[in-house]
C-alpha cells in the first residue's frame, strides 16, 4: 500500500517541486477565491492560473500513452 503525501504550498508561485511521481494531484479551493478576492489584474490572474496548473501537472507521473 502506498502512502499519501501532502504538500501545503502556494500554487502558482514556483514553489511546488516538479516530482513527476504523483498519480493524483488535488488542489484545494484556491483558484476561484484567489481570482475573486485577490488584487491581480485580469492578465495577471490568467497567468497565475496557468502557472498553478502547470505546477500541478509537473507533480504527475507521465503515462506511456501520453502525447508529448
C-alpha atoms as a PDB file:
ATOM      1  CA  UNK A   1       0.000   0.000   0.000  1.00  0.00           C
ATOM      2  CA  UNK A   2       1.370   3.412  -0.954  1.00  0.00           C
ATOM      3  CA  UNK A   3       1.286   6.382   1.348  1.00  0.00           C
ATOM      4  CA  UNK A   4      -0.440   9.646   0.627  1.00  0.00           C
ATOM      5  CA  UNK A   5       1.914  12.597   0.750  1.00  0.00           C
ATOM      6  CA  UNK A   6       0.573  16.085   1.161  1.00  0.00           C
ATOM      7  CA  UNK A   7       2.104  19.397   0.205  1.00  0.00           C
ATOM      8  CA  UNK A   8       0.796  22.574   1.784  1.00  0.00           C
ATOM      9  CA  UNK A   9       2.375  25.096  -0.551  1.00  0.00           C
ATOM     10  CA  UNK A  10       1.098  28.026  -2.559  1.00  0.00           C
ATOM     11  CA  UNK A  11       0.332  27.201  -6.160  1.00  0.00           C
ATOM     12  CA  UNK A  12       1.468  29.415  -8.995  1.00  0.00           C
ATOM     13  CA  UNK A  13       4.432  30.806  -7.058  1.00  0.00           C
ATOM     14  CA  UNK A  14       7.105  28.419  -8.397  1.00  0.00           C
ATOM     15  CA  UNK A  15       7.415  26.536  -5.097  1.00  0.00           C
ATOM     16  CA  UNK A  16       5.821  23.180  -5.951  1.00  0.00           C
ATOM     17  CA  UNK A  17       8.581  20.665  -6.708  1.00  0.00           C
ATOM     18  CA  UNK A  18       8.192  19.019 -10.149  1.00  0.00           C
ATOM     19  CA  UNK A  19       8.497  15.492  -8.749  1.00  0.00           C
ATOM     20  CA  UNK A  20       6.617  13.604 -11.510  1.00  0.00           C
ATOM     21  CA  UNK A  21       5.804  10.801  -9.057  1.00  0.00           C
ATOM     22  CA  UNK A  22       2.184  11.581  -8.143  1.00  0.00           C
ATOM     23  CA  UNK A  23      -0.744   9.718  -9.637  1.00  0.00           C
ATOM     24  CA  UNK A  24      -3.303  12.252  -8.445  1.00  0.00           C
ATOM     25  CA  UNK A  25      -2.968  15.958  -7.713  1.00  0.00           C
ATOM     26  CA  UNK A  26      -5.762  17.640  -5.779  1.00  0.00           C
ATOM     27  CA  UNK A  27      -5.966  21.387  -5.413  1.00  0.00           C
ATOM     28  CA  UNK A  28      -7.970  22.820  -2.573  1.00  0.00           C
ATOM     29  CA  UNK A  29     -10.455  25.520  -3.417  1.00  0.00           C
ATOM     30  CA  UNK A  30      -7.762  28.049  -4.190  1.00  0.00           C
ATOM     31  CA  UNK A  31      -8.258  29.120  -7.765  1.00  0.00           C
ATOM     32  CA  UNK A  32     -11.572  30.956  -7.515  1.00  0.00           C
ATOM     33  CA  UNK A  33     -11.026  32.769  -4.169  1.00  0.00           C
ATOM     34  CA  UNK A  34      -7.604  33.999  -5.244  1.00  0.00           C
ATOM     35  CA  UNK A  35      -9.002  35.309  -8.504  1.00  0.00           C
ATOM     36  CA  UNK A  36     -12.121  36.795  -6.927  1.00  0.00           C
ATOM     37  CA  UNK A  37     -10.600  38.375  -3.832  1.00  0.00           C
ATOM     38  CA  UNK A  38      -7.020  38.908  -4.953  1.00  0.00           C
ATOM     39  CA  UNK A  39      -5.688  42.196  -6.231  1.00  0.00           C
ATOM     40  CA  UNK A  40      -4.473  40.898  -9.587  1.00  0.00           C
ATOM     41  CA  UNK A  41      -5.291  42.404 -12.948  1.00  0.00           C
ATOM     42  CA  UNK A  42      -7.093  40.079 -15.361  1.00  0.00           C
ATOM     43  CA  UNK A  43      -3.919  39.196 -17.294  1.00  0.00           C
ATOM     44  CA  UNK A  44      -2.037  38.532 -14.046  1.00  0.00           C
ATOM     45  CA  UNK A  45      -4.838  36.243 -12.863  1.00  0.00           C
ATOM     46  CA  UNK A  46      -4.798  34.271 -16.100  1.00  0.00           C
ATOM     47  CA  UNK A  47      -1.001  33.935 -15.881  1.00  0.00           C
ATOM     48  CA  UNK A  48      -1.260  32.779 -12.251  1.00  0.00           C
ATOM     49  CA  UNK A  49      -3.843  30.091 -13.124  1.00  0.00           C
ATOM     50  CA  UNK A  50      -1.601  28.937 -15.985  1.00  0.00           C
ATOM     51  CA  UNK A  51       1.400  28.648 -13.633  1.00  0.00           C
ATOM     52  CA  UNK A  52      -0.635  26.899 -10.930  1.00  0.00           C
ATOM     53  CA  UNK A  53      -1.995  24.282 -13.332  1.00  0.00           C
ATOM     54  CA  UNK A  54       1.446  23.755 -14.905  1.00  0.00           C
ATOM     55  CA  UNK A  55       2.895  23.161 -11.426  1.00  0.00           C
ATOM     56  CA  UNK A  56       0.127  20.631 -10.671  1.00  0.00           C
ATOM     57  CA  UNK A  57       0.796  18.831 -13.960  1.00  0.00           C
ATOM     58  CA  UNK A  58       4.525  18.703 -13.123  1.00  0.00           C
ATOM     59  CA  UNK A  59       3.697  16.691 -10.000  1.00  0.00           C
ATOM     60  CA  UNK A  60       2.039  13.922 -12.021  1.00  0.00           C
ATOM     61  CA  UNK A  61       3.573  10.800 -13.493  1.00  0.00           C
ATOM     62  CA  UNK A  62       3.547  10.606 -17.254  1.00  0.00           C
ATOM     63  CA  UNK A  63       1.644   7.773 -18.769  1.00  0.00           C
ATOM     64  CA  UNK A  64       3.347   5.800 -21.541  1.00  0.00           C
ATOM     65  CA  UNK A  65       0.401   6.771 -23.777  1.00  0.00           C
ATOM     66  CA  UNK A  66       0.811  10.486 -23.101  1.00  0.00           C
ATOM     67  CA  UNK A  67       1.216  12.514 -26.251  1.00  0.00           C
ATOM     68  CA  UNK A  68       4.302  14.684 -25.923  1.00  0.00           C
END
